[in-house]
Amino acid sequence: MYYVRCSLKSKREEAKDIFSCTFSLNDIKFLQRLMPGRFVMVWLPGIDEFPLSPSDYNVSNSTLRLTFKVRGLGTRSLSSLSVGSSIFIRGPYGNGFRVSKHILQGGSKLVLVAGGGIGLAPLIPLIKDLLQQDVKLHVVCGFRSSNEVFFINEITNLLGDSHTVSTDDGSLGVKGTVVDVVQNLLNKRKVSYVYACGPEMMLYKLHRVLLDKGVPHQMSVERYVKCALGICGACVIDGLRLCKEGPVFNDVHLKGLKEFGRYKRSASGVREPLL
């Protein structure tokens, strides 16, 4: 395990309490080990260490972008950094999203990528990878309200109009949830595969819909991560370590997780109801 020093190159406030920080780092091998859905541990000395899944990375210009919602001291401190400031990262950890054989065998069927809230961020590298596979792709971006919307211009630049924006309160795009939009698409189009990241209840409801429709899928699940080395057990869900066997699980694994959509673990490791 080693830490890589990163220098803040640029910072942008994407929406209310949502920031993107792009860092320069001189470690090509670190960047080459990244893949969509893997995560890094972000260390701000004297403040906190926490996991984030990059929203973009580029080996050719040695940059990595972290997009996050301010939730506590660590993310607030990260959002307050000035250009030129340094942080440290280690990893990358976990598995990532993989291009399934169902996509390659799907022919003219549609592939859906569904992101809820800040869960949209780690899906950007996946969208870029899928665009290299010559598949028909549609992205569903769900938010609570219009003041939390971000990355829509970036997704439009990648996909044109092949995306749907939804808000729970109807203040922008389609009124409804990501699950509502996906259900509607499943009723109209033949879908070969679905990738998703977002709040666990959103993922669980979407998982049940996709199981009912027989659509294979992969989802990135969030848990409290401490060591990221598979030692402490803080991120265990039904015996699987999120930092090693996750955070991305396919439909077969998700179906066997009794805690998925029902329980989470606190910082002290106590199992608590998800809601």
C-alpha atoms as a PDB file:
ATOM      1  CA  MET A   1       0.000   0.000   0.000  1.00  0.00           C
ATOM      2  CA  TYR A   2       1.326   3.427  -0.860  1.00  0.00           C
ATOM      3  CA  TYR A   3      -0.060   6.934  -1.167  1.00  0.00           C
ATOM      4  CA  VAL A   4       0.128   9.100  -4.275  1.00  0.00           C
ATOM      5  CA  ARG A   5       0.357  12.877  -3.906  1.00  0.00           C
ATOM      6  CA  CYS A   6      -2.148  14.755  -6.062  1.00  0.00           C
ATOM      7  CA  SER A   7      -2.171  18.458  -6.827  1.00  0.00           C
ATOM      8  CA  LEU A   8      -5.492  20.265  -7.325  1.00  0.00           C
ATOM      9  CA  LYS A   9      -5.605  21.537 -10.893  1.00  0.00           C
ATOM     10  CA  SER A  10      -9.165  22.887 -11.024  1.00  0.00           C
ATOM     11  CA  LYS A  11     -12.361  22.954  -8.970  1.00  0.00           C
ATOM     12  CA  ARG A  12     -15.957  23.450  -9.987  1.00  0.00           C
ATOM     13  CA  GLU A  13     -19.223  23.619  -8.023  1.00  0.00           C
ATOM     14  CA  GLU A  14     -21.555  21.487 -10.149  1.00  0.00           C
ATOM     15  CA  ALA A  15     -24.724  22.027  -8.096  1.00  0.00           C
ATOM     16  CA  LYS A  16     -25.736  22.725  -4.522  1.00  0.00           C
ATOM     17  CA  ASP A  17     -23.085  21.066  -2.292  1.00  0.00           C
ATOM     18  CA  ILE A  18     -21.755  19.016  -5.239  1.00  0.00           C
ATOM     19  CA  PHE A  19     -18.181  19.679  -6.355  1.00  0.00           C
ATOM     20  CA  SER A  20     -15.748  18.321  -8.933  1.00  0.00           C
ATOM     21  CA  CYS A  21     -12.025  18.531  -8.219  1.00  0.00           C
ATOM     22  CA  THR A  22      -9.529  17.606 -10.932  1.00  0.00           C
ATOM     23  CA  PHE A  23      -6.073  16.578  -9.712  1.00  0.00           C
ATOM     24  CA  SER A  24      -2.743  16.095 -11.427  1.00  0.00           C
ATOM     25  CA  LEU A  25      -0.642  13.124 -10.330  1.00  0.00           C
ATOM     26  CA  ASN A  26       2.620  11.685 -11.538  1.00  0.00           C
ATOM     27  CA  ASP A  27       1.814   7.988 -11.327  1.00  0.00           C
ATOM     28  CA  ILE A  28       0.794   6.491 -14.645  1.00  0.00           C
ATOM     29  CA  LYS A  29       0.582   2.954 -13.202  1.00  0.00           C
ATOM     30  CA  PHE A  30      -1.974   4.124 -10.635  1.00  0.00           C
ATOM     31  CA  LEU A  31      -4.168   5.596 -13.347  1.00  0.00           C
ATOM     32  CA  GLN A  32      -3.760   2.499 -15.530  1.00  0.00           C
ATOM     33  CA  ARG A  33      -5.213   0.322 -12.741  1.00  0.00           C
ATOM     34  CA  LEU A  34      -8.406   2.345 -12.598  1.00  0.00           C
ATOM     35  CA  MET A  35     -11.541   1.115 -14.294  1.00  0.00           C
ATOM     36  CA  PRO A  36     -15.145   2.356 -14.152  1.00  0.00           C
ATOM     37  CA  GLY A  37     -16.605   1.649 -10.695  1.00  0.00           C
ATOM     38  CA  ARG A  38     -13.338   1.129  -8.801  1.00  0.00           C
ATOM     39  CA  PHE A  39     -12.659   3.542  -5.943  1.00  0.00           C
ATOM     40  CA  VAL A  40      -9.745   5.308  -4.275  1.00  0.00           C
ATOM     41  CA  MET A  41      -9.182   6.251  -0.641  1.00  0.00           C
ATOM     42  CA  VAL A  42      -8.781  10.014  -0.280  1.00  0.00           C
ATOM     43  CA  TRP A  43      -6.546  11.121   2.599  1.00  0.00           C
ATOM     44  CA  LEU A  44      -6.509  14.662   3.935  1.00  0.00           C
ATOM     45  CA  PRO A  45      -3.843  14.500   6.661  1.00  0.00           C
ATOM     46  CA  GLY A  46      -5.166  15.460  10.068  1.00  0.00           C
ATOM     47  CA  ILE A  47      -8.747  15.546   8.817  1.00  0.00           C
ATOM     48  CA  ASP A  48     -10.136  12.313   7.389  1.00  0.00           C
ATOM     49  CA  GLU A  49      -9.759   9.445   4.934  1.00  0.00           C
ATOM     50  CA  PHE A  50     -12.745   8.312   2.874  1.00  0.00           C
ATOM     51  CA  PRO A  51     -13.599   6.457  -0.364  1.00  0.00           C
ATOM     52  CA  LEU A  52     -14.573   8.102  -3.651  1.00  0.00           C
ATOM     53  CA  SER A  53     -15.045   6.591  -7.089  1.00  0.00           C
ATOM     54  CA  PRO A  54     -13.526   8.880  -9.757  1.00  0.00           C
ATOM     55  CA  SER A  55     -15.894  10.582 -12.167  1.00  0.00           C
ATOM     56  CA  ASP A  56     -13.148  10.760 -14.795  1.00  0.00           C
ATOM     57  CA  TYR A  57      -9.495   9.935 -15.289  1.00  0.00           C
ATOM     58  CA  ASN A  58      -7.043  10.399 -18.120  1.00  0.00           C
ATOM     59  CA  VAL A  59      -3.778   8.517 -18.431  1.00  0.00           C
ATOM     60  CA  SER A  60      -2.434  10.687 -21.263  1.00  0.00           C
ATOM     61  CA  ASN A  61      -2.527  13.927 -19.263  1.00  0.00           C
ATOM     62  CA  SER A  62      -2.209  12.293 -15.795  1.00  0.00           C
ATOM     63  CA  THR A  63      -5.400  13.690 -14.298  1.00  0.00           C
ATOM     64  CA  LEU A  64      -8.110  12.281 -12.080  1.00  0.00           C
ATOM     65  CA  ARG A  65     -11.453  13.943 -11.303  1.00  0.00           C
ATOM     66  CA  LEU A  66     -13.343  13.390  -8.048  1.00  0.00           C
ATOM     67  CA  THR A  67     -16.985  14.470  -7.892  1.00  0.00           C
ATOM     68  CA  PHE A  68     -18.644  14.379  -4.491  1.00  0.00           C
ATOM     69  CA  LYS A  69     -21.448  15.732  -2.345  1.00  0.00           C
ATOM     70  CA  VAL A  70     -20.500  17.550   0.839  1.00  0.00           C
ATOM     71  CA  ARG A  71     -21.618  15.301   3.680  1.00  0.00           C
ATOM     72  CA  GLY A  72     -19.107  15.767   6.505  1.00  0.00           C
ATOM     73  CA  LEU A  73     -15.794  17.244   7.563  1.00  0.00           C
ATOM     74  CA  GLY A  74     -13.765  15.317   4.970  1.00  0.00           C
ATOM     75  CA  THR A  75     -15.782  16.254   1.908  1.00  0.00           C
ATOM     76  CA  ARG A  76     -16.262  19.818   3.183  1.00  0.00           C
ATOM     77  CA  SER A  77     -12.499  20.178   3.558  1.00  0.00           C
ATOM     78  CA  LEU A  78     -11.966  18.699   0.098  1.00  0.00           C
ATOM     79  CA  SER A  79     -14.414  21.204  -1.385  1.00  0.00           C
ATOM     80  CA  SER A  80     -12.557  24.053   0.319  1.00  0.00           C
ATOM     81  CA  LEU A  81      -9.124  23.302  -1.174  1.00  0.00           C
ATOM     82  CA  SER A  82      -7.429  25.947  -3.308  1.00  0.00           C
ATOM     83  CA  VAL A  83      -5.870  25.263  -6.696  1.00  0.00           C
ATOM     84  CA  GLY A  84      -2.334  23.986  -6.122  1.00  0.00           C
ATOM     85  CA  SER A  85      -3.185  22.307  -2.798  1.00  0.00           C
ATOM     86  CA  SER A  86      -2.184  18.656  -2.337  1.00  0.00           C
ATOM     87  CA  ILE A  87      -4.016  15.588  -1.101  1.00  0.00           C
ATOM     88  CA  PHE A  88      -3.028  11.912  -1.053  1.00  0.00           C
ATOM     89  CA  ILE A  89      -4.839   8.925  -2.509  1.00  0.00           C
ATOM     90  CA  ARG A  90      -4.295   5.157  -2.351  1.00  0.00           C
ATOM     91  CA  GLY A  91      -5.750   2.311  -4.331  1.00  0.00           C
ATOM     92  CA  PRO A  92      -7.558   1.803  -6.599  1.00  0.00           C
ATOM     93  CA  TYR A  93      -9.712  -0.727  -4.763  1.00  0.00           C
ATOM     94  CA  GLY A  94     -12.579  -3.103  -5.434  1.00  0.00           C
ATOM     95  CA  ASN A  95     -13.859  -4.462  -8.683  1.00  0.00           C
ATOM     96  CA  GLY A  96     -15.549  -2.377 -11.325  1.00  0.00           C
ATOM     97  CA  PHE A  97     -18.249  -2.431 -13.951  1.00  0.00           C
ATOM     98  CA  ARG A  98     -17.580  -4.951 -16.691  1.00  0.00           C
ATOM     99  CA  VAL A  99     -18.900  -5.191 -20.218  1.00  0.00           C
ATOM    100  CA  SER A 100     -21.205  -8.197 -20.094  1.00  0.00           C
ATOM    101  CA  LYS A 101     -21.570 -10.810 -22.812  1.00  0.00           C
ATOM    102  CA  HIS A 102     -25.285  -9.901 -22.777  1.00  0.00           C
ATOM    103  CA  ILE A 103     -24.341  -6.545 -24.274  1.00  0.00           C
ATOM    104  CA  LEU A 104     -22.168  -8.002 -26.990  1.00  0.00           C
ATOM    105  CA  GLN A 105     -24.897 -10.551 -27.798  1.00  0.00           C
ATOM    106  CA  GLY A 106     -27.714  -8.021 -27.475  1.00  0.00           C
ATOM    107  CA  GLY A 107     -27.729  -7.004 -31.121  1.00  0.00           C
ATOM    108  CA  SER A 108     -30.094  -4.081 -31.584  1.00  0.00           C
ATOM    109  CA  LYS A 109     -31.264  -4.113 -27.959  1.00  0.00           C
ATOM    110  CA  LEU A 110     -30.732  -1.106 -25.735  1.00  0.00           C
ATOM    111  CA  VAL A 111     -28.244  -0.775 -22.857  1.00  0.00           C
ATOM    112  CA  LEU A 112     -29.371   1.444 -19.982  1.00  0.00           C
ATOM    113  CA  VAL A 113     -27.149   3.305 -17.526  1.00  0.00           C
ATOM    114  CA  ALA A 114     -29.111   4.643 -14.543  1.00  0.00           C
ATOM    115  CA  GLY A 115     -27.698   7.090 -11.992  1.00  0.00           C
ATOM    116  CA  GLY A 116     -29.425   8.540  -8.958  1.00  0.00           C
ATOM    117  CA  GLY A 117     -28.074  11.756  -7.408  1.00  0.00           C
ATOM    118  CA  ILE A 118     -24.335  11.725  -6.738  1.00  0.00           C
ATOM    119  CA  GLY A 119     -24.384   8.091  -7.961  1.00  0.00           C
ATOM    120  CA  LEU A 120     -24.273   9.507 -11.474  1.00  0.00           C
ATOM    121  CA  ALA A 121     -20.638  10.583 -10.988  1.00  0.00           C
ATOM    122  CA  PRO A 122     -18.846   7.180 -11.179  1.00  0.00           C
ATOM    123  CA  LEU A 123     -20.959   6.215 -14.185  1.00  0.00           C
ATOM    124  CA  ILE A 124     -19.271   8.748 -16.489  1.00  0.00           C
ATOM    125  CA  PRO A 125     -16.154   6.565 -17.116  1.00  0.00           C
ATOM    126  CA  LEU A 126     -18.495   3.597 -17.716  1.00  0.00           C
ATOM    127  CA  ILE A 127     -20.519   5.567 -20.273  1.00  0.00           C
ATOM    128  CA  LYS A 128     -17.300   6.457 -22.094  1.00  0.00           C
ATOM    129  CA  ASP A 129     -16.215   2.795 -22.121  1.00  0.00           C
ATOM    130  CA  LEU A 130     -19.611   1.590 -23.376  1.00  0.00           C
ATOM    131  CA  LEU A 131     -19.519   4.122 -26.201  1.00  0.00           C
ATOM    132  CA  GLN A 132     -16.409   2.295 -27.432  1.00  0.00           C
ATOM    133  CA  GLN A 133     -18.447  -0.942 -27.693  1.00  0.00           C
ATOM    134  CA  ASP A 134     -20.727   0.245 -30.481  1.00  0.00           C
ATOM    135  CA  VAL A 135     -23.889  -0.380 -28.433  1.00  0.00           C
ATOM    136  CA  LYS A 136     -27.166   1.513 -28.322  1.00  0.00           C
ATOM    137  CA  LEU A 137     -26.966   3.406 -25.082  1.00  0.00           C
ATOM    138  CA  HIS A 138     -29.453   5.458 -23.061  1.00  0.00           C
ATOM    139  CA  VAL A 139     -28.657   7.166 -19.752  1.00  0.00           C
ATOM    140  CA  VAL A 140     -31.239   7.910 -17.051  1.00  0.00           C
ATOM    141  CA  CYS A 141     -30.223  10.696 -14.661  1.00  0.00           C
ATOM    142  CA  GLY A 142     -32.421  11.114 -11.574  1.00  0.00           C
ATOM    143  CA  PHE A 143     -32.336  13.880  -8.979  1.00  0.00           C
ATOM    144  CA  ARG A 144     -34.537  15.077  -6.138  1.00  0.00           C
ATOM    145  CA  SER A 145     -34.938  18.554  -7.645  1.00  0.00           C
ATOM    146  CA  SER A 146     -33.473  20.888 -10.262  1.00  0.00           C
ATOM    147  CA  ASN A 147     -30.983  22.468  -7.838  1.00  0.00           C
ATOM    148  CA  GLU A 148     -29.204  19.103  -7.508  1.00  0.00           C
ATOM    149  CA  VAL A 149     -28.817  18.475 -11.250  1.00  0.00           C
ATOM    150  CA  PHE A 150     -25.276  18.158 -12.593  1.00  0.00           C
ATOM    151  CA  PHE A 151     -23.303  16.645 -15.524  1.00  0.00           C
ATOM    152  CA  ILE A 152     -26.213  16.965 -17.975  1.00  0.00           C
ATOM    153  CA  ASN A 153     -24.189  19.071 -20.422  1.00  0.00           C
ATOM    154  CA  GLU A 154     -21.349  16.542 -20.221  1.00  0.00           C
ATOM    155  CA  ILE A 155     -23.700  13.636 -20.912  1.00  0.00           C
ATOM    156  CA  THR A 156     -25.324  15.553 -23.779  1.00  0.00           C
ATOM    157  CA  ASN A 157     -21.880  16.089 -25.302  1.00  0.00           C
ATOM    158  CA  LEU A 158     -21.253  12.329 -25.082  1.00  0.00           C
ATOM    159  CA  LEU A 159     -24.683  11.001 -26.115  1.00  0.00           C
ATOM    160  CA  GLY A 160     -26.681  13.776 -27.738  1.00  0.00           C
ATOM    161  CA  ASP A 161     -30.333  13.421 -26.745  1.00  0.00           C
ATOM    162  CA  SER A 162     -30.097   9.735 -25.785  1.00  0.00           C
ATOM    163  CA  HIS A 163     -30.701  10.432 -22.125  1.00  0.00           C
ATOM    164  CA  THR A 164     -33.586  11.222 -19.770  1.00  0.00           C
ATOM    165  CA  VAL A 165     -33.480  13.610 -16.818  1.00  0.00           C
ATOM    166  CA  SER A 166     -35.972  13.065 -14.012  1.00  0.00           C
ATOM    167  CA  THR A 167     -36.632  14.913 -10.763  1.00  0.00           C
ATOM    168  CA  ASP A 168     -38.755  13.710  -7.871  1.00  0.00           C
ATOM    169  CA  ASP A 169     -40.572  17.049  -7.649  1.00  0.00           C
ATOM    170  CA  GLY A 170     -40.877  17.598 -11.405  1.00  0.00           C
ATOM    171  CA  SER A 171     -38.832  20.830 -11.295  1.00  0.00           C
ATOM    172  CA  LEU A 172     -36.753  19.651 -14.292  1.00  0.00           C
ATOM    173  CA  GLY A 173     -37.249  16.933 -16.874  1.00  0.00           C
ATOM    174  CA  VAL A 174     -39.663  14.071 -16.239  1.00  0.00           C
ATOM    175  CA  LYS A 175     -41.417  14.052 -12.869  1.00  0.00           C
ATOM    176  CA  GLY A 176     -40.601  10.781 -11.143  1.00  0.00           C
ATOM    177  CA  THR A 177     -37.763   8.580  -9.982  1.00  0.00           C
ATOM    178  CA  VAL A 178     -35.066   6.707 -11.861  1.00  0.00           C
ATOM    179  CA  VAL A 179     -37.052   3.508 -11.263  1.00  0.00           C
ATOM    180  CA  ASP A 180     -40.159   5.102 -12.829  1.00  0.00           C
ATOM    181  CA  VAL A 181     -38.228   6.116 -15.941  1.00  0.00           C
ATOM    182  CA  VAL A 182     -36.547   2.725 -16.344  1.00  0.00           C
ATOM    183  CA  GLN A 183     -39.887   0.928 -15.936  1.00  0.00           C
ATOM    184  CA  ASN A 184     -41.350   3.112 -18.660  1.00  0.00           C
ATOM    185  CA  LEU A 185     -38.439   2.381 -20.980  1.00  0.00           C
ATOM    186  CA  LEU A 186     -38.692  -1.356 -20.296  1.00  0.00           C
ATOM    187  CA  ASN A 187     -42.341  -1.227 -21.380  1.00  0.00           C
ATOM    188  CA  LYS A 188     -41.409   0.414 -24.700  1.00  0.00           C
ATOM    189  CA  ARG A 189     -37.987  -0.935 -25.667  1.00  0.00           C
ATOM    190  CA  LYS A 190     -36.075  -4.213 -25.634  1.00  0.00           C
ATOM    191  CA  VAL A 191     -33.280  -3.766 -23.110  1.00  0.00           C
ATOM    192  CA  SER A 192     -30.310  -6.139 -23.005  1.00  0.00           C
ATOM    193  CA  TYR A 193     -28.553  -4.870 -19.877  1.00  0.00           C
ATOM    194  CA  VAL A 194     -28.695  -2.234 -17.125  1.00  0.00           C
ATOM    195  CA  TYR A 195     -25.909  -0.598 -15.106  1.00  0.00           C
ATOM    196  CA  ALA A 196     -26.799   1.495 -12.060  1.00  0.00           C
ATOM    197  CA  CYS A 197     -25.400   3.490  -9.158  1.00  0.00           C
ATOM    198  CA  GLY A 198     -27.278   5.563  -6.592  1.00  0.00           C
ATOM    199  CA  PRO A 199     -29.028   5.404  -3.219  1.00  0.00           C
ATOM    200  CA  GLU A 200     -29.453   1.830  -2.024  1.00  0.00           C
ATOM    201  CA  MET A 201     -33.256   1.953  -1.866  1.00  0.00           C
ATOM    202  CA  MET A 202     -33.282   3.137  -5.490  1.00  0.00           C
ATOM    203  CA  LEU A 203     -30.968   0.276  -6.431  1.00  0.00           C
ATOM    204  CA  TYR A 204     -33.039  -2.275  -4.525  1.00  0.00           C
ATOM    205  CA  LYS A 205     -36.320  -1.209  -6.146  1.00  0.00           C
ATOM    206  CA  LEU A 206     -34.665  -1.156  -9.564  1.00  0.00           C
ATOM    207  CA  HIS A 207     -33.139  -4.582  -8.910  1.00  0.00           C
ATOM    208  CA  ARG A 208     -36.598  -6.035  -8.144  1.00  0.00           C
ATOM    209  CA  VAL A 209     -38.046  -4.525 -11.330  1.00  0.00           C
ATOM    210  CA  LEU A 210     -35.189  -5.872 -13.452  1.00  0.00           C
ATOM    211  CA  LEU A 211     -35.437  -9.340 -11.882  1.00  0.00           C
ATOM    212  CA  ASP A 212     -39.154  -9.346 -12.690  1.00  0.00           C
ATOM    213  CA  LYS A 213     -38.434  -8.400 -16.297  1.00  0.00           C
ATOM    214  CA  GLY A 214     -35.513 -10.815 -16.592  1.00  0.00           C
ATOM    215  CA  VAL A 215     -33.011  -8.091 -17.459  1.00  0.00           C
ATOM    216  CA  PRO A 216     -29.414  -8.791 -16.291  1.00  0.00           C
ATOM    217  CA  HIS A 217     -27.672  -5.949 -14.505  1.00  0.00           C
ATOM    218  CA  GLN A 218     -24.753  -4.671 -12.456  1.00  0.00           C
ATOM    219  CA  MET A 219     -25.030  -2.189  -9.587  1.00  0.00           C
ATOM    220  CA  SER A 220     -22.496  -0.312  -7.481  1.00  0.00           C
ATOM    221  CA  VAL A 221     -23.467  -0.567  -3.806  1.00  0.00           C
ATOM    222  CA  GLU A 222     -22.327   1.868  -1.105  1.00  0.00           C
ATOM    223  CA  ARG A 223     -21.206   0.828   2.377  1.00  0.00           C
ATOM    224  CA  TYR A 224     -19.098   2.365   5.158  1.00  0.00           C
ATOM    225  CA  VAL A 225     -15.477   1.666   4.125  1.00  0.00           C
ATOM    226  CA  LYS A 226     -12.606   1.997   6.604  1.00  0.00           C
ATOM    227  CA  CYS A 227      -9.448   0.128   5.545  1.00  0.00           C
ATOM    228  CA  ALA A 228     -10.343  -0.800   1.945  1.00  0.00           C
ATOM    229  CA  LEU A 229      -7.890  -3.695   2.301  1.00  0.00           C
ATOM    230  CA  GLY A 230     -10.378  -6.418   3.194  1.00  0.00           C
ATOM    231  CA  ILE A 231      -9.122  -6.620   6.793  1.00  0.00           C
ATOM    232  CA  CYS A 232     -11.430  -4.657   9.096  1.00  0.00           C
ATOM    233  CA  GLY A 233     -14.761  -6.068   7.906  1.00  0.00           C
ATOM    234  CA  ALA A 234     -16.574  -2.746   8.274  1.00  0.00           C
ATOM    235  CA  CYS A 235     -17.970  -2.892   4.744  1.00  0.00           C
ATOM    236  CA  VAL A 236     -19.190  -6.515   4.861  1.00  0.00           C
ATOM    237  CA  ILE A 237     -22.602  -7.249   3.400  1.00  0.00           C
ATOM    238  CA  ASP A 238     -23.803 -10.828   3.802  1.00  0.00           C
ATOM    239  CA  GLY A 239     -20.219 -12.018   4.200  1.00  0.00           C
ATOM    240  CA  LEU A 240     -18.928 -10.215   1.122  1.00  0.00           C
ATOM    241  CA  ARG A 241     -16.426  -7.395   1.573  1.00  0.00           C
ATOM    242  CA  LEU A 242     -17.475  -4.381  -0.421  1.00  0.00           C
ATOM    243  CA  CYS A 243     -13.839  -3.292  -0.829  1.00  0.00           C
ATOM    244  CA  LYS A 244     -12.805  -6.667  -2.270  1.00  0.00           C
ATOM    245  CA  GLU A 245     -15.812  -8.507  -3.754  1.00  0.00           C
ATOM    246  CA  GLY A 246     -17.644  -5.202  -4.506  1.00  0.00           C
ATOM    247  CA  PRO A 247     -18.596  -2.446  -4.767  1.00  0.00           C
ATOM    248  CA  VAL A 248     -20.052  -3.618  -8.089  1.00  0.00           C
ATOM    249  CA  PHE A 249     -22.272  -6.719  -7.926  1.00  0.00           C
ATOM    250  CA  ASN A 250     -24.188  -8.398 -10.691  1.00  0.00           C
ATOM    251  CA  ASP A 251     -27.822  -9.501 -10.524  1.00  0.00           C
ATOM    252  CA  VAL A 252     -26.926 -13.045  -9.386  1.00  0.00           C
ATOM    253  CA  HIS A 253     -24.922 -11.774  -6.403  1.00  0.00           C
ATOM    254  CA  LEU A 254     -27.484  -9.078  -5.544  1.00  0.00           C
ATOM    255  CA  LYS A 255     -30.273 -11.626  -5.504  1.00  0.00           C
ATOM    256  CA  GLY A 256     -28.426 -13.553  -2.786  1.00  0.00           C
ATOM    257  CA  LEU A 257     -27.740 -10.548  -0.530  1.00  0.00           C
ATOM    258  CA  LYS A 258     -30.300 -10.566   2.283  1.00  0.00           C
ATOM    259  CA  GLU A 259     -29.005  -7.240   3.681  1.00  0.00           C
ATOM    260  CA  PHE A 260     -29.242  -5.470   0.318  1.00  0.00           C
ATOM    261  CA  GLY A 261     -31.988  -2.829   0.526  1.00  0.00           C
ATOM    262  CA  ARG A 262     -32.691  -3.747   4.143  1.00  0.00           C
ATOM    263  CA  TYR A 263     -29.707  -3.124   6.422  1.00  0.00           C
ATOM    264  CA  LYS A 264     -26.526  -1.047   6.597  1.00  0.00           C
ATOM    265  CA  ARG A 265     -23.672  -0.913   9.114  1.00  0.00           C
ATOM    266  CA  SER A 266     -22.752   2.132  11.178  1.00  0.00           C
ATOM    267  CA  ALA A 267     -19.197   3.418  11.665  1.00  0.00           C
ATOM    268  CA  SER A 268     -18.948   1.166  14.739  1.00  0.00           C
ATOM    269  CA  GLY A 269     -20.071  -1.884  12.729  1.00  0.00           C
ATOM    270  CA  VAL A 270     -23.555  -2.166  14.216  1.00  0.00           C
ATOM    271  CA  ARG A 271     -26.171  -3.431  11.778  1.00  0.00           C
ATOM    272  CA  GLU A 272     -29.017  -0.942  11.363  1.00  0.00           C
ATOM    273  CA  PRO A 273     -32.194  -0.858   9.276  1.00  0.00           C
ATOM    274  CA  LEU A 274     -31.549   1.007   6.040  1.00  0.00           C
ATOM    275  CA  LEU A 275     -34.513   3.316   6.655  1.00  0.00           C
END
